[in-house]
């Protein structure tokens, strides 16, 4: 006699007992995926570039997977809280998340033991350079005016933000300060849960500078509350044609980049990984996602699976060298 395993476990209550012990029957991972809603964790606050990217790709993945994909912001700890929530979730594909460049940095800074190796890489989506934003009606008309003010001010008087302490936007600001011959802490860094709350604080007058990507500052700039005065990139962004590069404006050849992509907990089953990567790939190639990225000025950069894993490993090594150099400074 043939026994249906699913019906047998359900009838005897064995399935519930195994789940209570933290043991999941194999069919929970090998069955049709997905058959229920998926959660996408974002380690940064609502309204920022990572959040906007997550919500755009999640809506498109819903169409591909035929299941809801709900975005949940898990902020705190300079990105540690959200990245931990992704890494420690069940490896069944029903919790995935946006991992950002900070996952290649935090373990070098002693904030967490998490590294890129603690995830199943799905796909890299974007990479953007830092930009410097100031208050629209403030005293800094351009990057030279701001640089002169920073050099003349006592250490710590001018305040900046854009992400958590030691995050990529903080690193971007530090690189610029050091290129001007200043100490890394000459400008006081005020930690935030992402670019969106930092930009709001800038507009309200609580900060002097925000360092984050140009697209993340666009809404408040268009509202006339802030202005973007420089890009730390090799070339100008066509969406922001009037914003010069740091090299153009000051002769400083310094660039940095913040990337974001999708990952799942480690040891995700191969069939689940394949289904998610396929959905992300189709979503990334869609006209809707391309229109979203290009209209915002986000820099698209795509690697999936093993290529994304290699990219994160290389970034971890690179950021380790950067952070060690800063710690020695």
Foldseek 3Di string as FASTA:
>chain_A
DDDDPVVVCVVVVVQVVCVVVVHHPPCLQVPDPDPEAAEAEEAFDPLFPQNVLVVLLQVLLCVLRVYHYHYDYQYDLLSPRRVVVQQPDDLRLRYKYKDKLCLLPCVLVVSDVHHLQQWQFFKWWFKFWKFKKAWLPDDDPAPVSVVVVLVPDAAAPAEEEFTAVPDQQLLNQQVVQVLVVHASRSYPYDHDRGRQVRLVCRLVPNHGIYIDGPLSNPVCVVVSGMDTHETCDPDDQPLCVPHYHCCVPPVRNGIGMMIMGMIGGPPRDPVSSVSSNVSSVVSSPDPSNVCVCSNSRTGTDMDGGPRVSVVRVVSSVVNSVSVVVSVVD
